[in-house]
Amino acid sequence: MKIIVCVKQVPDTSGKVAVNPDGTLNRASMQAIVNPDDMNAVEAALKLKDETGCRVIVVTMGPPPAMGMLRELMAMGADEGVLVSAREFGGSDTYATSQILSAAIKKLGIEDDDIIMCGRQAIDGDTAQVGPQIAEKLGLPQITYAADIKKEGETITVKRMLEDGYMTIKVKTPCLLTCIKELNAPRYMSVRGIFDCMDKPLETYTYETLKDDPLIDLATIGLKGSPTNIFKSFTPPAKGAGMMLEGDDRDTCDKLAGLLSAKHII
């Protein structure tokens, strides 16, 4: 059994967001982090590894510096890493990205007891599309918004967190799950893991590696093959200073009501 976890390196949006003159994000000048929801997917895979002894493989599509992120995840406990990187893949939207990652997962091989895990969505897009699209392209059952995961033989029981409650679904492997932050608290790298991660296998899949897969068509990958393009990115304008009212008496409440009424809020 193996668990393949798809992860993404994203700009740290808690810091300064840099935008190029053409409206695209200047990723080179922004601090990069592992997408938060993907960290929950990695932790879920590592917990199942602790229980079953399975292999955990982390896969990302990105430029060569993303290797550092994969090494960090291997220091947490992942067994192998795969970097999918090529100029032909640059500029891919969610559709094209799912094409490429699906081809990479097929290259790794999917066996009867395997699980693919993804984060719910990436903070630089918030589309929540790549995971489900991978499942569709691989012909696998999928369960999204996983808030609890239990494995029993060939069956996975998942509790989904929805807006108005929970839903429990049972699915057979192989399958794909997308994970949310409520699922767990990601572990830290261990000292032993940091020493050992450099000896763990890390492969690079290029365009040449994957080009024979039917999903890898220059007409449906990369910027030219992406049906969705970003029109513009910009830094939101800074909000003005707020107004603080002191006191908890009737006069303060009347003053607050007057201000809200003047702005036509009430």
C-alpha atoms as a PDB file:
ATOM      1  CA  MET A   1       0.000   0.000   0.000  1.00  0.00           C
ATOM      2  CA  LYS A   2       1.139   3.505  -0.760  1.00  0.00           C
ATOM      3  CA  ILE A   3      -0.318   6.962  -0.305  1.00  0.00           C
ATOM      4  CA  ILE A   4       0.445   9.613  -2.916  1.00  0.00           C
ATOM      5  CA  VAL A   5       0.042  13.153  -1.604  1.00  0.00           C
ATOM      6  CA  CYS A   6      -0.196  16.033  -4.077  1.00  0.00           C
ATOM      7  CA  VAL A   7       1.257  19.229  -2.615  1.00  0.00           C
ATOM      8  CA  LYS A   8       1.858  22.749  -3.881  1.00  0.00           C
ATOM      9  CA  GLN A   9       4.339  25.479  -3.033  1.00  0.00           C
ATOM     10  CA  VAL A  10       2.440  28.770  -2.765  1.00  0.00           C
ATOM     11  CA  PRO A  11       3.279  32.400  -1.926  1.00  0.00           C
ATOM     12  CA  ASP A  12       2.933  33.283   1.750  1.00  0.00           C
ATOM     13  CA  THR A  13      -0.086  35.562   1.580  1.00  0.00           C
ATOM     14  CA  SER A  14       0.360  36.599   5.217  1.00  0.00           C
ATOM     15  CA  GLY A  15       3.274  38.760   4.077  1.00  0.00           C
ATOM     16  CA  LYS A  16       3.615  41.317   1.312  1.00  0.00           C
ATOM     17  CA  VAL A  17       1.960  40.338  -1.956  1.00  0.00           C
ATOM     18  CA  ALA A  18       4.138  41.387  -4.916  1.00  0.00           C
ATOM     19  CA  VAL A  19       2.455  42.028  -8.254  1.00  0.00           C
ATOM     20  CA  ASN A  20       4.224  42.552 -11.589  1.00  0.00           C
ATOM     21  CA  PRO A  21       3.283  45.505 -13.860  1.00  0.00           C
ATOM     22  CA  ASP A  22       1.301  43.115 -16.080  1.00  0.00           C
ATOM     23  CA  GLY A  23      -0.862  42.072 -13.122  1.00  0.00           C
ATOM     24  CA  THR A  24       0.684  38.634 -12.553  1.00  0.00           C
ATOM     25  CA  LEU A  25       2.109  37.609  -9.180  1.00  0.00           C
ATOM     26  CA  ASN A  26       5.838  38.131  -8.750  1.00  0.00           C
ATOM     27  CA  ARG A  27       6.394  34.767  -7.080  1.00  0.00           C
ATOM     28  CA  ALA A  28      10.191  35.077  -7.107  1.00  0.00           C
ATOM     29  CA  SER A  29      10.078  38.020  -4.687  1.00  0.00           C
ATOM     30  CA  MET A  30       7.569  36.436  -2.285  1.00  0.00           C
ATOM     31  CA  GLN A  31       8.227  33.990   0.530  1.00  0.00           C
ATOM     32  CA  ALA A  32       7.090  30.482  -0.449  1.00  0.00           C
ATOM     33  CA  ILE A  33       5.381  28.023   1.904  1.00  0.00           C
ATOM     34  CA  VAL A  34       3.680  24.649   1.642  1.00  0.00           C
ATOM     35  CA  ASN A  35      -0.002  25.153   0.932  1.00  0.00           C
ATOM     36  CA  PRO A  36      -1.704  24.841   4.371  1.00  0.00           C
ATOM     37  CA  ASP A  37      -4.435  22.361   3.369  1.00  0.00           C
ATOM     38  CA  ASP A  38      -1.771  20.178   1.732  1.00  0.00           C
ATOM     39  CA  MET A  39       0.029  19.986   5.079  1.00  0.00           C
ATOM     40  CA  ASN A  40      -3.125  18.431   6.548  1.00  0.00           C
ATOM     41  CA  ALA A  41      -3.150  15.899   3.705  1.00  0.00           C
ATOM     42  CA  VAL A  42       0.500  15.028   4.423  1.00  0.00           C
ATOM     43  CA  GLU A  43      -0.250  14.586   8.137  1.00  0.00           C
ATOM     44  CA  ALA A  44      -3.230  12.343   7.343  1.00  0.00           C
ATOM     45  CA  ALA A  45      -0.971  10.185   5.162  1.00  0.00           C
ATOM     46  CA  LEU A  46       1.705  10.006   7.853  1.00  0.00           C
ATOM     47  CA  LYS A  47      -0.859   8.943  10.466  1.00  0.00           C
ATOM     48  CA  LEU A  48      -1.957   6.083   8.211  1.00  0.00           C
ATOM     49  CA  LYS A  49       1.728   5.235   7.710  1.00  0.00           C
ATOM     50  CA  ASP A  50       2.144   5.055  11.507  1.00  0.00           C
ATOM     51  CA  GLU A  51      -0.836   2.666  11.677  1.00  0.00           C
ATOM     52  CA  THR A  52      -0.167   0.473   8.639  1.00  0.00           C
ATOM     53  CA  GLY A  53       3.493   0.902   7.691  1.00  0.00           C
ATOM     54  CA  CYS A  54       2.581   2.028   4.172  1.00  0.00           C
ATOM     55  CA  ARG A  55       4.773   4.174   1.892  1.00  0.00           C
ATOM     56  CA  VAL A  56       4.086   7.900   1.555  1.00  0.00           C
ATOM     57  CA  ILE A  57       5.106   9.672  -1.663  1.00  0.00           C
ATOM     58  CA  VAL A  58       4.809  13.451  -1.967  1.00  0.00           C
ATOM     59  CA  VAL A  59       4.350  14.882  -5.482  1.00  0.00           C
ATOM     60  CA  THR A  60       4.472  18.504  -6.590  1.00  0.00           C
ATOM     61  CA  MET A  61       4.505  20.375  -9.879  1.00  0.00           C
ATOM     62  CA  GLY A  62       6.709  23.454  -9.867  1.00  0.00           C
ATOM     63  CA  PRO A  63      10.134  24.952 -10.546  1.00  0.00           C
ATOM     64  CA  PRO A  64      13.351  23.267  -9.322  1.00  0.00           C
ATOM     65  CA  PRO A  65      13.430  25.183  -5.971  1.00  0.00           C
ATOM     66  CA  ALA A  66      10.304  23.231  -4.955  1.00  0.00           C
ATOM     67  CA  MET A  67      12.694  20.348  -4.231  1.00  0.00           C
ATOM     68  CA  GLY A  68      13.413  22.039  -0.896  1.00  0.00           C
ATOM     69  CA  MET A  69       9.752  21.787   0.041  1.00  0.00           C
ATOM     70  CA  LEU A  70       9.727  18.083  -0.794  1.00  0.00           C
ATOM     71  CA  ARG A  71      12.801  17.535   1.387  1.00  0.00           C
ATOM     72  CA  GLU A  72      11.009  19.247   4.284  1.00  0.00           C
ATOM     73  CA  LEU A  73       8.035  16.910   3.873  1.00  0.00           C
ATOM     74  CA  MET A  74      10.378  13.925   3.777  1.00  0.00           C
ATOM     75  CA  ALA A  75      11.927  15.232   7.007  1.00  0.00           C
ATOM     76  CA  MET A  76       8.418  15.056   8.485  1.00  0.00           C
ATOM     77  CA  GLY A  77       8.214  11.382   7.532  1.00  0.00           C
ATOM     78  CA  ALA A  78       7.358  10.999   3.837  1.00  0.00           C
ATOM     79  CA  ASP A  79       9.375   8.222   2.165  1.00  0.00           C
ATOM     80  CA  GLU A  80       9.845   9.572  -1.352  1.00  0.00           C
ATOM     81  CA  GLY A  81       9.413  12.746  -3.384  1.00  0.00           C
ATOM     82  CA  VAL A  82       8.603  13.468  -7.016  1.00  0.00           C
ATOM     83  CA  LEU A  83       9.103  16.896  -8.591  1.00  0.00           C
ATOM     84  CA  VAL A  84       7.194  17.410 -11.852  1.00  0.00           C
ATOM     85  CA  SER A  85       9.000  20.248 -13.581  1.00  0.00           C
ATOM     86  CA  ALA A  86       9.362  21.431 -17.185  1.00  0.00           C
ATOM     87  CA  ARG A  87       9.025  24.654 -19.156  1.00  0.00           C
ATOM     88  CA  GLU A  88       6.192  23.019 -21.096  1.00  0.00           C
ATOM     89  CA  PHE A  89       4.201  22.814 -17.834  1.00  0.00           C
ATOM     90  CA  GLY A  90       4.588  26.489 -16.918  1.00  0.00           C
ATOM     91  CA  GLY A  91       1.472  28.655 -16.714  1.00  0.00           C
ATOM     92  CA  SER A  92      -0.908  25.702 -16.316  1.00  0.00           C
ATOM     93  CA  ASP A  93      -4.352  26.406 -14.862  1.00  0.00           C
ATOM     94  CA  THR A  94      -6.243  23.862 -12.759  1.00  0.00           C
ATOM     95  CA  TYR A  95      -7.329  21.840 -15.800  1.00  0.00           C
ATOM     96  CA  ALA A  96      -3.813  21.577 -17.243  1.00  0.00           C
ATOM     97  CA  THR A  97      -2.281  20.974 -13.809  1.00  0.00           C
ATOM     98  CA  SER A  98      -4.619  18.047 -13.197  1.00  0.00           C
ATOM     99  CA  GLN A  99      -3.661  16.604 -16.599  1.00  0.00           C
ATOM    100  CA  ILE A 100       0.033  16.703 -15.701  1.00  0.00           C
ATOM    101  CA  LEU A 101      -0.322  15.436 -12.129  1.00  0.00           C
ATOM    102  CA  SER A 102      -2.589  12.604 -13.289  1.00  0.00           C
ATOM    103  CA  ALA A 103       0.088  11.513 -15.764  1.00  0.00           C
ATOM    104  CA  ALA A 104       2.722  11.646 -13.001  1.00  0.00           C
ATOM    105  CA  ILE A 105       0.538   9.534 -10.685  1.00  0.00           C
ATOM    106  CA  LYS A 106      -0.009   6.981 -13.458  1.00  0.00           C
ATOM    107  CA  LYS A 107       3.770   6.862 -13.899  1.00  0.00           C
ATOM    108  CA  LEU A 108       4.084   6.003 -10.189  1.00  0.00           C
ATOM    109  CA  GLY A 109       1.403   3.344 -10.611  1.00  0.00           C
ATOM    110  CA  ILE A 110      -1.927   2.905  -8.821  1.00  0.00           C
ATOM    111  CA  GLU A 111      -2.543  -0.387  -7.040  1.00  0.00           C
ATOM    112  CA  ASP A 112      -5.731  -1.748  -5.502  1.00  0.00           C
ATOM    113  CA  ASP A 113      -4.993  -0.554  -1.960  1.00  0.00           C
ATOM    114  CA  ASP A 114      -3.515   2.865  -2.818  1.00  0.00           C
ATOM    115  CA  ILE A 115      -4.846   6.250  -1.716  1.00  0.00           C
ATOM    116  CA  ILE A 116      -4.279   9.667  -3.284  1.00  0.00           C
ATOM    117  CA  MET A 117      -4.603  12.669  -0.989  1.00  0.00           C
ATOM    118  CA  CYS A 118      -4.796  16.376  -1.760  1.00  0.00           C
ATOM    119  CA  GLY A 119      -5.500  19.495   0.226  1.00  0.00           C
ATOM    120  CA  ARG A 120      -8.971  20.957  -0.209  1.00  0.00           C
ATOM    121  CA  GLN A 121      -7.650  23.973  -2.124  1.00  0.00           C
ATOM    122  CA  ALA A 122      -4.598  26.195  -2.584  1.00  0.00           C
ATOM    123  CA  ILE A 123      -4.486  29.642  -0.990  1.00  0.00           C
ATOM    124  CA  ASP A 124      -3.224  31.247  -4.217  1.00  0.00           C
ATOM    125  CA  GLY A 125      -6.312  30.203  -6.166  1.00  0.00           C
ATOM    126  CA  ASP A 126      -8.999  28.865  -3.798  1.00  0.00           C
ATOM    127  CA  THR A 127     -10.638  26.894  -6.607  1.00  0.00           C
ATOM    128  CA  ALA A 128     -10.666  23.397  -4.989  1.00  0.00           C
ATOM    129  CA  GLN A 129     -10.621  21.939  -8.514  1.00  0.00           C
ATOM    130  CA  VAL A 130      -7.329  20.074  -8.983  1.00  0.00           C
ATOM    131  CA  GLY A 131      -8.001  17.157  -6.612  1.00  0.00           C
ATOM    132  CA  PRO A 132     -11.447  16.297  -8.028  1.00  0.00           C
ATOM    133  CA  GLN A 133     -10.172  16.702 -11.591  1.00  0.00           C
ATOM    134  CA  ILE A 134      -7.336  14.242 -10.908  1.00  0.00           C
ATOM    135  CA  ALA A 135      -9.874  11.709  -9.615  1.00  0.00           C
ATOM    136  CA  GLU A 136     -12.004  12.121 -12.748  1.00  0.00           C
ATOM    137  CA  LYS A 137      -9.023  11.715 -15.078  1.00  0.00           C
ATOM    138  CA  LEU A 138      -7.815   8.612 -13.253  1.00  0.00           C
ATOM    139  CA  GLY A 139     -11.319   7.148 -13.005  1.00  0.00           C
ATOM    140  CA  LEU A 140     -11.167   6.945  -9.199  1.00  0.00           C
ATOM    141  CA  PRO A 141     -13.905   7.466  -6.603  1.00  0.00           C
ATOM    142  CA  GLN A 142     -13.377  10.653  -4.624  1.00  0.00           C
ATOM    143  CA  ILE A 143     -14.442  12.087  -1.283  1.00  0.00           C
ATOM    144  CA  THR A 144     -13.905  15.781  -0.594  1.00  0.00           C
ATOM    145  CA  TYR A 145     -13.759  17.861   2.618  1.00  0.00           C
ATOM    146  CA  ALA A 146     -12.434  15.002   4.750  1.00  0.00           C
ATOM    147  CA  ALA A 147     -12.589  15.876   8.471  1.00  0.00           C
ATOM    148  CA  ASP A 148     -11.881  12.338   9.719  1.00  0.00           C
ATOM    149  CA  ILE A 149     -10.369   9.299   7.987  1.00  0.00           C
ATOM    150  CA  LYS A 150     -10.421   5.670   9.143  1.00  0.00           C
ATOM    151  CA  LYS A 151      -9.035   2.701   7.194  1.00  0.00           C
ATOM    152  CA  GLU A 152     -10.503  -0.772   7.681  1.00  0.00           C
ATOM    153  CA  GLY A 153      -9.068  -3.345   5.283  1.00  0.00           C
ATOM    154  CA  GLU A 154      -9.807  -2.246   1.723  1.00  0.00           C
ATOM    155  CA  THR A 155     -12.365   0.298   2.920  1.00  0.00           C
ATOM    156  CA  ILE A 156     -11.901   3.951   3.877  1.00  0.00           C
ATOM    157  CA  THR A 157     -14.542   5.638   6.035  1.00  0.00           C
ATOM    158  CA  VAL A 158     -14.527   9.424   5.752  1.00  0.00           C
ATOM    159  CA  LYS A 159     -16.487  11.999   7.701  1.00  0.00           C
ATOM    160  CA  ARG A 160     -17.072  15.022   5.489  1.00  0.00           C
ATOM    161  CA  MET A 161     -17.531  18.472   6.991  1.00  0.00           C
ATOM    162  CA  LEU A 162     -20.239  20.407   5.172  1.00  0.00           C
ATOM    163  CA  GLU A 163     -21.702  23.857   5.790  1.00  0.00           C
ATOM    164  CA  ASP A 164     -24.752  22.488   7.573  1.00  0.00           C
ATOM    165  CA  GLY A 165     -23.416  19.324   9.204  1.00  0.00           C
ATOM    166  CA  TYR A 166     -21.456  16.127   8.581  1.00  0.00           C
ATOM    167  CA  MET A 167     -21.751  13.275   6.098  1.00  0.00           C
ATOM    168  CA  THR A 168     -20.115   9.864   6.538  1.00  0.00           C
ATOM    169  CA  ILE A 169     -19.119   7.973   3.390  1.00  0.00           C
ATOM    170  CA  LYS A 170     -17.448   4.592   2.945  1.00  0.00           C
ATOM    171  CA  VAL A 171     -15.336   3.963  -0.162  1.00  0.00           C
ATOM    172  CA  LYS A 172     -13.093   1.183  -1.456  1.00  0.00           C
ATOM    173  CA  THR A 173      -9.514   1.777  -2.489  1.00  0.00           C
ATOM    174  CA  PRO A 174      -8.000   2.991  -4.727  1.00  0.00           C
ATOM    175  CA  CYS A 175      -9.575   6.382  -4.153  1.00  0.00           C
ATOM    176  CA  LEU A 176      -8.814  10.092  -3.842  1.00  0.00           C
ATOM    177  CA  LEU A 177      -9.482  12.204  -0.741  1.00  0.00           C
ATOM    178  CA  THR A 178      -9.240  15.970  -0.272  1.00  0.00           C
ATOM    179  CA  CYS A 179      -8.445  17.132   3.257  1.00  0.00           C
ATOM    180  CA  ILE A 180      -9.427  20.202   5.279  1.00  0.00           C
ATOM    181  CA  LYS A 181      -7.626  21.943   8.137  1.00  0.00           C
ATOM    182  CA  GLU A 182     -10.051  20.567  10.739  1.00  0.00           C
ATOM    183  CA  LEU A 183      -8.767  17.051   9.997  1.00  0.00           C
ATOM    184  CA  ASN A 184      -5.584  17.285  12.097  1.00  0.00           C
ATOM    185  CA  ALA A 185      -2.626  19.353  13.290  1.00  0.00           C
ATOM    186  CA  PRO A 186       0.463  18.765  11.089  1.00  0.00           C
ATOM    187  CA  ARG A 187       3.533  17.485  12.884  1.00  0.00           C
ATOM    188  CA  TYR A 188       6.935  19.158  12.896  1.00  0.00           C
ATOM    189  CA  MET A 189      10.093  17.858  11.280  1.00  0.00           C
ATOM    190  CA  SER A 190      12.161  15.717  13.640  1.00  0.00           C
ATOM    191  CA  VAL A 191      15.922  16.007  14.095  1.00  0.00           C
ATOM    192  CA  ARG A 192      16.354  12.437  12.849  1.00  0.00           C
ATOM    193  CA  GLY A 193      14.058  13.179   9.932  1.00  0.00           C
ATOM    194  CA  ILE A 194      16.130  16.214   8.922  1.00  0.00           C
ATOM    195  CA  PHE A 195      19.288  14.082   8.839  1.00  0.00           C
ATOM    196  CA  ASP A 196      17.614  11.220   6.977  1.00  0.00           C
ATOM    197  CA  CYS A 197      15.674  13.226   4.373  1.00  0.00           C
ATOM    198  CA  MET A 198      18.707  13.819   2.150  1.00  0.00           C
ATOM    199  CA  ASP A 199      19.154  10.059   1.723  1.00  0.00           C
ATOM    200  CA  LYS A 200      15.553   9.448   0.647  1.00  0.00           C
ATOM    201  CA  PRO A 201      14.792   9.128  -3.088  1.00  0.00           C
ATOM    202  CA  LEU A 202      13.637  12.255  -4.907  1.00  0.00           C
ATOM    203  CA  GLU A 203      12.905  11.985  -8.629  1.00  0.00           C
ATOM    204  CA  THR A 204      12.244  14.657 -11.239  1.00  0.00           C
ATOM    205  CA  TYR A 205       9.633  14.019 -13.926  1.00  0.00           C
ATOM    206  CA  THR A 206      10.187  16.242 -16.964  1.00  0.00           C
ATOM    207  CA  TYR A 207       8.178  16.632 -20.135  1.00  0.00           C
ATOM    208  CA  GLU A 208      10.329  13.897 -21.675  1.00  0.00           C
ATOM    209  CA  THR A 209       9.433  11.580 -18.786  1.00  0.00           C
ATOM    210  CA  LEU A 210       5.677  11.992 -19.249  1.00  0.00           C
ATOM    211  CA  LYS A 211       5.252  12.912 -22.923  1.00  0.00           C
ATOM    212  CA  ASP A 212       4.065   9.429 -23.964  1.00  0.00           C
ATOM    213  CA  ASP A 213       1.043   9.598 -21.660  1.00  0.00           C
ATOM    214  CA  PRO A 214      -2.187  10.451 -23.569  1.00  0.00           C
ATOM    215  CA  LEU A 215      -2.893  13.252 -21.045  1.00  0.00           C
ATOM    216  CA  ILE A 216       0.327  15.069 -21.953  1.00  0.00           C
ATOM    217  CA  ASP A 217      -0.658  16.991 -25.049  1.00  0.00           C
ATOM    218  CA  LEU A 218       0.858  20.414 -25.722  1.00  0.00           C
ATOM    219  CA  ALA A 219      -2.638  21.565 -26.699  1.00  0.00           C
ATOM    220  CA  THR A 220      -3.987  20.876 -23.186  1.00  0.00           C
ATOM    221  CA  ILE A 221      -1.053  21.669 -20.867  1.00  0.00           C
ATOM    222  CA  GLY A 222       0.930  24.776 -19.999  1.00  0.00           C
ATOM    223  CA  LEU A 223      -0.224  28.320 -20.574  1.00  0.00           C
ATOM    224  CA  LYS A 224      -1.350  27.713 -24.170  1.00  0.00           C
ATOM    225  CA  GLY A 225      -3.379  24.672 -23.177  1.00  0.00           C
ATOM    226  CA  SER A 226      -5.112  26.325 -20.224  1.00  0.00           C
ATOM    227  CA  PRO A 227      -8.736  27.322 -20.831  1.00  0.00           C
ATOM    228  CA  THR A 228      -8.598  29.665 -17.820  1.00  0.00           C
ATOM    229  CA  ASN A 229      -6.227  32.625 -17.632  1.00  0.00           C
ATOM    230  CA  ILE A 230      -5.716  35.179 -14.864  1.00  0.00           C
ATOM    231  CA  PHE A 231      -6.873  38.563 -16.117  1.00  0.00           C
ATOM    232  CA  LYS A 232      -5.291  40.614 -13.336  1.00  0.00           C
ATOM    233  CA  SER A 233      -3.829  40.333  -9.843  1.00  0.00           C
ATOM    234  CA  PHE A 234      -3.520  43.306  -7.536  1.00  0.00           C
ATOM    235  CA  THR A 235      -2.853  44.192  -3.917  1.00  0.00           C
ATOM    236  CA  PRO A 236      -6.111  45.129  -2.157  1.00  0.00           C
ATOM    237  CA  PRO A 237      -6.247  48.801  -1.100  1.00  0.00           C
ATOM    238  CA  ALA A 238      -5.516  49.444   2.555  1.00  0.00           C
ATOM    239  CA  LYS A 239      -8.593  50.002   4.676  1.00  0.00           C
ATOM    240  CA  GLY A 240      -9.018  53.270   6.537  1.00  0.00           C
ATOM    241  CA  ALA A 241      -8.631  53.525  10.288  1.00  0.00           C
ATOM    242  CA  GLY A 242     -11.653  52.357  12.270  1.00  0.00           C
ATOM    243  CA  MET A 243     -13.517  54.289  14.944  1.00  0.00           C
ATOM    244  CA  MET A 244     -13.548  53.107  18.557  1.00  0.00           C
ATOM    245  CA  LEU A 245     -16.379  54.025  20.908  1.00  0.00           C
ATOM    246  CA  GLU A 246     -15.720  53.756  24.643  1.00  0.00           C
ATOM    247  CA  GLY A 247     -18.320  52.921  27.224  1.00  0.00           C
ATOM    248  CA  ASP A 248     -21.262  50.571  27.661  1.00  0.00           C
ATOM    249  CA  ASP A 249     -24.005  53.010  28.628  1.00  0.00           C
ATOM    250  CA  ARG A 250     -27.087  54.081  26.694  1.00  0.00           C
ATOM    251  CA  ASP A 251     -25.438  57.227  25.326  1.00  0.00           C
ATOM    252  CA  THR A 252     -22.699  55.139  23.683  1.00  0.00           C
ATOM    253  CA  CYS A 253     -25.294  52.811  22.177  1.00  0.00           C
ATOM    254  CA  ASP A 254     -27.292  55.761  20.862  1.00  0.00           C
ATOM    255  CA  LYS A 255     -24.139  57.244  19.336  1.00  0.00           C
ATOM    256  CA  LEU A 256     -23.279  53.930  17.645  1.00  0.00           C
ATOM    257  CA  ALA A 257     -26.819  53.605  16.308  1.00  0.00           C
ATOM    258  CA  GLY A 258     -26.620  57.153  14.962  1.00  0.00           C
ATOM    259  CA  LEU A 259     -23.345  56.496  13.143  1.00  0.00           C
ATOM    260  CA  LEU A 260     -24.635  53.268  11.596  1.00  0.00           C
ATOM    261  CA  SER A 261     -27.859  54.964  10.569  1.00  0.00           C
ATOM    262  CA  ALA A 262     -25.939  57.829   8.927  1.00  0.00           C
ATOM    263  CA  LYS A 263     -24.033  55.289   6.810  1.00  0.00           C
ATOM    264  CA  HIS A 264     -27.330  53.551   5.925  1.00  0.00           C
ATOM    265  CA  ILE A 265     -26.123  50.305   7.538  1.00  0.00           C
ATOM    266  CA  ILE A 266     -29.236  50.161   9.747  1.00  0.00           C
END
